[in-house]
Amino acid sequence: MKKILLAAVIMLVTGVALVGCGKSNTPMDQQAGDGKYYYKNQSLNFSVTLPSEFEYYQTQRKEGGGYVDIEFFIPTTDADYSSDVPDYAKPLVVRVFDKSAWDQEIDTGFYEQVAIRNDKVYTIKFWNIIPKDWQDSWGQEMKNNIKESFKTQ
C-alpha cells in the first residue's frame, strides 16, 4: 500500500512540475529568455508578443462607446514628437470592439482587424508618424511580427 501511495505522490509531483515548465512565469514588464515581452490582457482575453526594442513599455486603457483601447507606449528621445505621455511614443493601439459597434463603425480604415471571438472584434492600429529615434529600428517586419503574434483566449 505504501508503495502505491509513494508512486502516486511521485507521479503527482512530476506532473505538476512538467505543467509548470510549459508556462512562462516571466512578468509582462520583463524580457523573457528570448528577449521579447509577452503582454497578456486577461480582461479582454488577448495576448501579443512585443519585440525586445519595447524595453520600458507602458500601457494605458481607455474606454469608448462600444470599444476598449489598450494603448502601448515606448520611450522616445525625439523632443519634436507629440504624444499623450511626455517622452513616450504610441506605436500601437489594440482596440477591442463589441461586434455591434464594429458593424456600425463607418471609418474602420484606421484599425486592422486581427481576430473575432465571442462577439468581440480585435483590431490593431500602428503609428503613422515614427519618432526620429525609432525610424531605424521600426519596420514592416516588426509590425508583421506583432500582428502575427496576436492571440485571443
N, C-alpha and C. Protein backbone atom coordinates (compact mmCIF):
# COMPACT_ATOMS: atom_id res chain seq x y z
N MET A 1 0.82 -1.19 0.00
CA MET A 1 0.00 0.00 0.00
C MET A 1 0.87 1.26 0.00
N LYS A 2 1.96 1.22 0.80
CA LYS A 2 2.84 2.37 0.87
C LYS A 2 3.52 2.63 -0.47
N LYS A 3 3.85 1.55 -1.20
CA LYS A 3 4.49 1.70 -2.49
C LYS A 3 3.54 2.37 -3.49
N ILE A 4 2.29 2.02 -3.46
CA ILE A 4 1.29 2.60 -4.36
C ILE A 4 1.10 4.08 -4.05
N LEU A 5 1.01 4.40 -2.77
CA LEU A 5 0.86 5.79 -2.34
C LEU A 5 2.09 6.61 -2.74
N LEU A 6 3.28 6.05 -2.52
CA LEU A 6 4.51 6.74 -2.88
C LEU A 6 4.58 6.96 -4.40
N ALA A 7 4.21 5.97 -5.18
CA ALA A 7 4.21 6.10 -6.64
C ALA A 7 3.22 7.17 -7.09
N ALA A 8 2.05 7.23 -6.46
CA ALA A 8 1.04 8.24 -6.80
C ALA A 8 1.54 9.64 -6.49
N VAL A 9 2.21 9.80 -5.33
CA VAL A 9 2.74 11.11 -4.95
C VAL A 9 3.83 11.53 -5.94
N ILE A 10 4.71 10.62 -6.30
CA ILE A 10 5.78 10.93 -7.26
C ILE A 10 5.19 11.33 -8.61
N MET A 11 4.18 10.62 -9.07
CA MET A 11 3.55 10.95 -10.36
C MET A 11 2.87 12.32 -10.28
N LEU A 12 2.24 12.63 -9.16
CA LEU A 12 1.58 13.92 -9.00
C LEU A 12 2.60 15.06 -9.01
N VAL A 13 3.68 14.90 -8.27
CA VAL A 13 4.72 15.93 -8.21
C VAL A 13 5.36 16.10 -9.59
N THR A 14 5.64 15.01 -10.28
CA THR A 14 6.22 15.08 -11.63
C THR A 14 5.27 15.78 -12.59
N GLY A 15 4.00 15.44 -12.51
CA GLY A 15 3.01 16.08 -13.38
C GLY A 15 2.91 17.57 -13.16
N VAL A 16 2.90 17.99 -11.91
CA VAL A 16 2.84 19.43 -11.58
C VAL A 16 4.09 20.13 -12.09
N ALA A 17 5.24 19.50 -11.93
CA ALA A 17 6.50 20.10 -12.40
C ALA A 17 6.50 20.24 -13.91
N LEU A 18 6.02 19.23 -14.62
CA LEU A 18 6.00 19.30 -16.08
C LEU A 18 5.04 20.36 -16.59
N VAL A 19 3.90 20.50 -15.97
CA VAL A 19 2.94 21.53 -16.37
C VAL A 19 3.54 22.91 -16.13
N GLY A 20 4.19 23.10 -15.00
CA GLY A 20 4.82 24.38 -14.69
C GLY A 20 5.93 24.73 -15.66
N CYS A 21 6.64 23.74 -16.19
CA CYS A 21 7.73 24.01 -17.12
C CYS A 21 7.22 24.54 -18.45
N GLY A 22 5.99 24.22 -18.80
CA GLY A 22 5.46 24.66 -20.08
C GLY A 22 4.93 26.07 -20.08
N LYS A 23 4.81 26.67 -18.94
CA LYS A 23 4.25 28.02 -18.84
C LYS A 23 5.35 29.02 -18.57
N SER A 24 5.19 30.20 -19.12
CA SER A 24 6.16 31.26 -18.85
C SER A 24 5.72 32.03 -17.62
N ASN A 25 6.61 32.14 -16.66
CA ASN A 25 6.31 32.89 -15.46
C ASN A 25 6.95 34.27 -15.50
N THR A 26 7.46 34.66 -16.66
CA THR A 26 8.10 35.96 -16.81
C THR A 26 7.03 37.04 -16.75
N PRO A 27 7.17 38.01 -15.87
CA PRO A 27 6.20 39.12 -15.84
C PRO A 27 6.20 39.88 -17.16
N MET A 28 5.06 40.50 -17.47
CA MET A 28 4.91 41.22 -18.74
C MET A 28 5.91 42.35 -18.89
N ASP A 29 6.35 42.93 -17.79
CA ASP A 29 7.25 44.08 -17.88
C ASP A 29 8.72 43.67 -17.85
N GLN A 30 8.99 42.38 -17.95
CA GLN A 30 10.37 41.90 -18.01
C GLN A 30 10.57 41.08 -19.26
N GLN A 31 11.76 41.19 -19.84
CA GLN A 31 12.04 40.42 -21.03
C GLN A 31 12.10 38.94 -20.69
N ALA A 32 11.56 38.13 -21.59
CA ALA A 32 11.65 36.69 -21.44
C ALA A 32 13.04 36.25 -21.91
N GLY A 33 13.32 34.99 -21.82
CA GLY A 33 14.61 34.46 -22.22
C GLY A 33 14.97 34.75 -23.66
N ASP A 34 13.96 34.88 -24.51
CA ASP A 34 14.21 35.17 -25.93
C ASP A 34 14.31 36.67 -26.21
N GLY A 35 14.23 37.49 -25.16
CA GLY A 35 14.37 38.94 -25.33
C GLY A 35 13.07 39.67 -25.62
N LYS A 36 11.98 38.95 -25.80
CA LYS A 36 10.69 39.58 -26.13
C LYS A 36 9.88 39.81 -24.86
N TYR A 37 8.82 40.59 -25.03
CA TYR A 37 7.88 40.87 -23.94
C TYR A 37 6.55 40.20 -24.30
N TYR A 38 5.99 39.46 -23.35
CA TYR A 38 4.75 38.74 -23.58
C TYR A 38 3.63 39.42 -22.80
N TYR A 39 2.88 40.25 -23.52
CA TYR A 39 1.79 41.00 -22.89
C TYR A 39 0.52 40.17 -22.96
N LYS A 40 -0.17 40.07 -21.83
CA LYS A 40 -1.44 39.34 -21.77
C LYS A 40 -2.46 40.20 -21.06
N ASN A 41 -3.62 40.37 -21.68
CA ASN A 41 -4.71 41.13 -21.08
C ASN A 41 -5.84 40.15 -20.78
N GLN A 42 -5.97 39.80 -19.51
CA GLN A 42 -6.97 38.79 -19.13
C GLN A 42 -8.40 39.31 -19.25
N SER A 43 -8.62 40.58 -18.96
CA SER A 43 -9.99 41.09 -19.00
C SER A 43 -10.53 41.18 -20.43
N LEU A 44 -9.65 41.38 -21.40
CA LEU A 44 -10.08 41.45 -22.80
C LEU A 44 -9.74 40.18 -23.58
N ASN A 45 -9.14 39.22 -22.90
CA ASN A 45 -8.86 37.89 -23.46
C ASN A 45 -7.98 37.91 -24.70
N PHE A 46 -6.86 38.63 -24.63
CA PHE A 46 -5.91 38.56 -25.74
C PHE A 46 -4.49 38.65 -25.21
N SER A 47 -3.56 38.24 -26.07
CA SER A 47 -2.14 38.37 -25.78
C SER A 47 -1.43 38.78 -27.05
N VAL A 48 -0.28 39.41 -26.87
CA VAL A 48 0.52 39.85 -28.00
C VAL A 48 1.98 39.83 -27.56
N THR A 49 2.86 39.48 -28.49
CA THR A 49 4.29 39.46 -28.21
C THR A 49 4.90 40.74 -28.76
N LEU A 50 5.62 41.42 -27.90
CA LEU A 50 6.26 42.68 -28.26
C LEU A 50 7.76 42.46 -28.44
N PRO A 51 8.36 43.18 -29.37
CA PRO A 51 9.79 42.98 -29.64
C PRO A 51 10.68 43.46 -28.50
N SER A 52 11.92 43.00 -28.51
CA SER A 52 12.87 43.36 -27.45
C SER A 52 13.12 44.86 -27.39
N GLU A 53 12.91 45.56 -28.48
CA GLU A 53 13.11 47.01 -28.51
C GLU A 53 12.09 47.76 -27.66
N PHE A 54 11.02 47.12 -27.23
CA PHE A 54 9.97 47.78 -26.45
C PHE A 54 10.31 47.85 -24.96
N GLU A 55 11.59 47.88 -24.65
CA GLU A 55 12.03 47.96 -23.26
C GLU A 55 11.41 49.19 -22.59
N TYR A 56 10.94 49.02 -21.39
CA TYR A 56 10.27 50.06 -20.59
C TYR A 56 8.92 50.48 -21.17
N TYR A 57 8.29 49.61 -21.93
CA TYR A 57 6.97 49.95 -22.48
C TYR A 57 5.95 50.11 -21.35
N GLN A 58 4.92 50.88 -21.64
CA GLN A 58 3.81 51.11 -20.70
C GLN A 58 2.50 50.92 -21.47
N THR A 59 1.43 50.64 -20.75
CA THR A 59 0.12 50.55 -21.39
C THR A 59 -0.86 51.46 -20.66
N GLN A 60 -1.90 51.80 -21.39
CA GLN A 60 -2.97 52.62 -20.83
C GLN A 60 -4.28 52.11 -21.42
N ARG A 61 -5.29 51.99 -20.58
CA ARG A 61 -6.60 51.53 -21.02
C ARG A 61 -7.53 52.73 -21.13
N LYS A 62 -8.25 52.79 -22.25
CA LYS A 62 -9.28 53.82 -22.46
C LYS A 62 -10.54 53.13 -22.98
N GLU A 63 -11.68 53.63 -22.52
CA GLU A 63 -12.94 53.04 -22.97
C GLU A 63 -13.76 54.08 -23.71
N GLY A 64 -14.43 53.61 -24.75
CA GLY A 64 -15.30 54.48 -25.53
C GLY A 64 -16.63 53.79 -25.78
N GLY A 65 -17.43 54.36 -26.65
CA GLY A 65 -18.73 53.79 -26.97
C GLY A 65 -18.61 52.51 -27.77
N GLY A 66 -18.70 51.38 -27.11
CA GLY A 66 -18.66 50.09 -27.79
C GLY A 66 -17.26 49.54 -28.04
N TYR A 67 -16.25 50.13 -27.44
CA TYR A 67 -14.90 49.62 -27.62
C TYR A 67 -14.04 49.93 -26.40
N VAL A 68 -12.92 49.21 -26.32
CA VAL A 68 -11.89 49.44 -25.31
C VAL A 68 -10.55 49.49 -26.03
N ASP A 69 -9.74 50.50 -25.71
CA ASP A 69 -8.40 50.62 -26.26
C ASP A 69 -7.37 50.23 -25.22
N ILE A 70 -6.37 49.50 -25.66
CA ILE A 70 -5.15 49.31 -24.89
C ILE A 70 -4.06 49.99 -25.71
N GLU A 71 -3.57 51.10 -25.18
CA GLU A 71 -2.55 51.88 -25.88
C GLU A 71 -1.18 51.46 -25.34
N PHE A 72 -0.25 51.23 -26.23
CA PHE A 72 1.11 50.85 -25.87
C PHE A 72 2.02 52.05 -26.11
N PHE A 73 2.84 52.36 -25.12
CA PHE A 73 3.77 53.49 -25.20
C PHE A 73 5.19 52.97 -25.00
N ILE A 74 6.13 53.55 -25.76
CA ILE A 74 7.54 53.22 -25.62
C ILE A 74 8.35 54.51 -25.50
N PRO A 75 9.45 54.46 -24.78
CA PRO A 75 10.26 55.68 -24.60
C PRO A 75 10.79 56.23 -25.92
N THR A 76 10.84 57.55 -26.01
CA THR A 76 11.45 58.22 -27.15
C THR A 76 12.24 59.43 -26.65
N THR A 77 13.31 59.73 -27.38
CA THR A 77 14.10 60.92 -27.07
C THR A 77 13.84 62.03 -28.07
N ASP A 78 12.91 61.80 -28.99
CA ASP A 78 12.58 62.79 -30.02
C ASP A 78 11.76 63.92 -29.38
N ALA A 79 12.40 65.04 -29.16
CA ALA A 79 11.74 66.18 -28.50
C ALA A 79 10.62 66.77 -29.35
N ASP A 80 10.65 66.54 -30.65
CA ASP A 80 9.63 67.07 -31.55
C ASP A 80 8.40 66.17 -31.66
N TYR A 81 8.48 64.98 -31.10
CA TYR A 81 7.36 64.03 -31.20
C TYR A 81 6.29 64.40 -30.18
N SER A 82 5.08 64.55 -30.66
CA SER A 82 3.96 64.91 -29.80
C SER A 82 3.21 63.65 -29.37
N SER A 83 2.97 63.53 -28.07
CA SER A 83 2.30 62.34 -27.55
C SER A 83 1.47 62.69 -26.33
N ASP A 84 0.55 61.80 -25.99
CA ASP A 84 -0.28 61.95 -24.79
C ASP A 84 0.57 61.85 -23.52
N VAL A 85 1.66 61.10 -23.61
CA VAL A 85 2.52 60.86 -22.46
C VAL A 85 3.91 61.43 -22.77
N PRO A 86 4.38 62.40 -22.00
CA PRO A 86 5.68 63.01 -22.29
C PRO A 86 6.81 61.97 -22.33
N ASP A 87 7.68 62.11 -23.33
CA ASP A 87 8.85 61.25 -23.53
C ASP A 87 8.50 59.82 -23.93
N TYR A 88 7.26 59.59 -24.32
CA TYR A 88 6.84 58.27 -24.79
C TYR A 88 6.09 58.43 -26.11
N ALA A 89 6.29 57.46 -26.99
CA ALA A 89 5.58 57.42 -28.26
C ALA A 89 4.57 56.27 -28.22
N LYS A 90 3.56 56.35 -29.07
CA LYS A 90 2.50 55.34 -29.09
C LYS A 90 2.56 54.57 -30.41
N PRO A 91 3.30 53.45 -30.42
CA PRO A 91 3.46 52.71 -31.67
C PRO A 91 2.25 51.88 -32.07
N LEU A 92 1.44 51.46 -31.08
CA LEU A 92 0.28 50.67 -31.45
C LEU A 92 -0.83 50.81 -30.42
N VAL A 93 -2.02 50.58 -30.94
CA VAL A 93 -3.23 50.55 -30.11
C VAL A 93 -3.97 49.27 -30.48
N VAL A 94 -4.34 48.49 -29.48
CA VAL A 94 -5.24 47.37 -29.69
C VAL A 94 -6.62 47.86 -29.29
N ARG A 95 -7.53 47.86 -30.24
CA ARG A 95 -8.90 48.27 -29.96
C ARG A 95 -9.80 47.05 -30.07
N VAL A 96 -10.55 46.79 -29.00
CA VAL A 96 -11.48 45.67 -28.97
C VAL A 96 -12.88 46.24 -29.03
N PHE A 97 -13.53 45.98 -30.17
CA PHE A 97 -14.89 46.46 -30.41
C PHE A 97 -15.90 45.41 -29.97
N ASP A 98 -17.03 45.86 -29.45
CA ASP A 98 -18.20 44.98 -29.41
C ASP A 98 -18.59 44.76 -30.86
N LYS A 99 -19.02 43.55 -31.20
CA LYS A 99 -19.35 43.24 -32.61
C LYS A 99 -20.36 44.22 -33.17
N SER A 100 -21.36 44.59 -32.40
CA SER A 100 -22.39 45.52 -32.88
C SER A 100 -21.80 46.90 -33.18
N ALA A 101 -20.87 47.35 -32.36
CA ALA A 101 -20.22 48.65 -32.59
C ALA A 101 -19.34 48.59 -33.84
N TRP A 102 -18.64 47.48 -34.04
CA TRP A 102 -17.79 47.31 -35.24
C TRP A 102 -18.66 47.34 -36.49
N ASP A 103 -19.81 46.67 -36.44
CA ASP A 103 -20.71 46.63 -37.61
C ASP A 103 -21.24 48.02 -37.95
N GLN A 104 -21.34 48.90 -36.96
CA GLN A 104 -21.85 50.26 -37.19
C GLN A 104 -20.73 51.25 -37.47
N GLU A 105 -19.48 50.85 -37.28
CA GLU A 105 -18.34 51.75 -37.47
C GLU A 105 -18.26 52.17 -38.94
N ILE A 106 -18.25 53.46 -39.15
CA ILE A 106 -18.22 53.99 -40.51
C ILE A 106 -16.81 53.96 -41.08
N ASP A 107 -15.85 54.40 -40.31
CA ASP A 107 -14.48 54.52 -40.81
C ASP A 107 -13.58 53.53 -40.07
N THR A 108 -13.50 52.29 -40.57
CA THR A 108 -12.67 51.28 -39.94
C THR A 108 -11.28 51.22 -40.57
N GLY A 109 -10.98 52.11 -41.47
CA GLY A 109 -9.71 52.09 -42.18
C GLY A 109 -8.49 52.27 -41.31
N PHE A 110 -8.65 52.91 -40.17
CA PHE A 110 -7.51 53.12 -39.28
C PHE A 110 -7.13 51.85 -38.53
N TYR A 111 -8.11 50.99 -38.30
CA TYR A 111 -7.89 49.79 -37.50
C TYR A 111 -7.94 48.55 -38.38
N GLU A 112 -6.95 47.70 -38.22
CA GLU A 112 -6.86 46.46 -38.98
C GLU A 112 -7.39 45.31 -38.12
N GLN A 113 -8.37 44.61 -38.62
CA GLN A 113 -8.95 43.50 -37.88
C GLN A 113 -7.95 42.35 -37.81
N VAL A 114 -7.73 41.82 -36.59
CA VAL A 114 -6.80 40.70 -36.43
C VAL A 114 -7.48 39.45 -35.87
N ALA A 115 -8.67 39.59 -35.28
CA ALA A 115 -9.37 38.42 -34.74
C ALA A 115 -10.82 38.79 -34.42
N ILE A 116 -11.66 37.76 -34.42
CA ILE A 116 -13.05 37.87 -33.95
C ILE A 116 -13.26 36.71 -33.00
N ARG A 117 -13.81 37.00 -31.82
CA ARG A 117 -14.07 35.95 -30.85
C ARG A 117 -15.11 36.43 -29.85
N ASN A 118 -16.12 35.58 -29.61
CA ASN A 118 -17.14 35.85 -28.59
C ASN A 118 -17.75 37.25 -28.73
N ASP A 119 -18.23 37.60 -29.90
CA ASP A 119 -18.87 38.88 -30.17
C ASP A 119 -17.96 40.08 -29.94
N LYS A 120 -16.65 39.86 -30.06
CA LYS A 120 -15.66 40.93 -29.96
C LYS A 120 -14.84 40.92 -31.25
N VAL A 121 -14.52 42.11 -31.74
CA VAL A 121 -13.66 42.26 -32.91
C VAL A 121 -12.37 42.91 -32.42
N TYR A 122 -11.27 42.23 -32.60
CA TYR A 122 -9.96 42.70 -32.16
C TYR A 122 -9.25 43.36 -33.33
N THR A 123 -8.78 44.56 -33.10
CA THR A 123 -8.12 45.32 -34.16
C THR A 123 -6.81 45.92 -33.64
N ILE A 124 -5.95 46.29 -34.59
CA ILE A 124 -4.68 46.94 -34.26
C ILE A 124 -4.53 48.16 -35.15
N LYS A 125 -4.00 49.21 -34.56
CA LYS A 125 -3.62 50.41 -35.32
C LYS A 125 -2.19 50.74 -34.95
N PHE A 126 -1.35 50.95 -35.96
CA PHE A 126 0.04 51.33 -35.74
C PHE A 126 0.21 52.82 -36.00
N TRP A 127 1.26 53.38 -35.43
CA TRP A 127 1.53 54.81 -35.56
C TRP A 127 1.72 55.21 -37.02
N ASN A 128 1.35 56.43 -37.35
CA ASN A 128 1.59 56.99 -38.68
C ASN A 128 2.90 57.76 -38.71
N ILE A 129 3.20 58.44 -37.62
CA ILE A 129 4.43 59.23 -37.53
C ILE A 129 5.37 58.53 -36.56
N ILE A 130 6.54 58.17 -37.05
CA ILE A 130 7.52 57.45 -36.25
C ILE A 130 8.54 58.44 -35.72
N PRO A 131 8.81 58.43 -34.41
CA PRO A 131 9.83 59.33 -33.86
C PRO A 131 11.19 59.09 -34.51
N LYS A 132 12.00 60.12 -34.52
CA LYS A 132 13.31 60.05 -35.17
C LYS A 132 14.17 58.90 -34.62
N ASP A 133 14.13 58.70 -33.31
CA ASP A 133 14.98 57.67 -32.72
C ASP A 133 14.46 56.25 -32.94
N TRP A 134 13.29 56.10 -33.52
CA TRP A 134 12.73 54.78 -33.81
C TRP A 134 12.75 54.45 -35.30
N GLN A 135 13.08 55.38 -36.15
CA GLN A 135 13.00 55.16 -37.59
C GLN A 135 13.93 54.06 -38.09
N ASP A 136 15.07 53.87 -37.44
CA ASP A 136 15.98 52.81 -37.87
C ASP A 136 15.56 51.43 -37.37
N SER A 137 14.88 51.36 -36.24
CA SER A 137 14.52 50.06 -35.68
C SER A 137 13.11 49.61 -36.05
N TRP A 138 12.23 50.54 -36.39
CA TRP A 138 10.86 50.18 -36.75
C TRP A 138 10.80 49.83 -38.22
N GLY A 139 10.08 48.78 -38.54
CA GLY A 139 9.93 48.41 -39.94
C GLY A 139 8.76 47.47 -40.13
N GLN A 140 8.55 47.09 -41.37
CA GLN A 140 7.43 46.21 -41.72
C GLN A 140 7.54 44.85 -41.03
N GLU A 141 8.77 44.34 -40.89
CA GLU A 141 8.96 43.05 -40.24
C GLU A 141 8.51 43.09 -38.77
N MET A 142 8.88 44.16 -38.06
CA MET A 142 8.48 44.29 -36.66
C MET A 142 6.95 44.38 -36.57
N LYS A 143 6.36 45.16 -37.44
CA LYS A 143 4.90 45.32 -37.47
C LYS A 143 4.23 43.96 -37.74
N ASN A 144 4.72 43.23 -38.72
CA ASN A 144 4.14 41.93 -39.06
C ASN A 144 4.30 40.94 -37.91
N ASN A 145 5.45 40.96 -37.24
CA ASN A 145 5.67 40.05 -36.11
C ASN A 145 4.68 40.32 -34.98
N ILE A 146 4.39 41.59 -34.73
CA ILE A 146 3.42 41.94 -33.69
C ILE A 146 2.04 41.42 -34.08
N LYS A 147 1.63 41.68 -35.32
CA LYS A 147 0.30 41.22 -35.78
C LYS A 147 0.19 39.70 -35.74
N GLU A 148 1.23 39.02 -36.20
CA GLU A 148 1.18 37.56 -36.25
C GLU A 148 1.19 36.93 -34.86
N SER A 149 1.72 37.64 -33.87
CA SER A 149 1.76 37.09 -32.51
C SER A 149 0.45 37.26 -31.76
N PHE A 150 -0.45 38.07 -32.29
CA PHE A 150 -1.70 38.39 -31.60
C PHE A 150 -2.55 37.13 -31.47
N LYS A 151 -2.99 36.85 -30.26
CA LYS A 151 -3.83 35.68 -29.98
C LYS A 151 -4.99 36.06 -29.07
N THR A 152 -6.12 35.39 -29.27
CA THR A 152 -7.25 35.55 -28.35
C THR A 152 -7.39 34.26 -27.55
N GLN A 153 -7.96 34.40 -26.34
CA GLN A 153 -8.15 33.23 -25.49
C GLN A 153 -9.61 32.88 -25.40
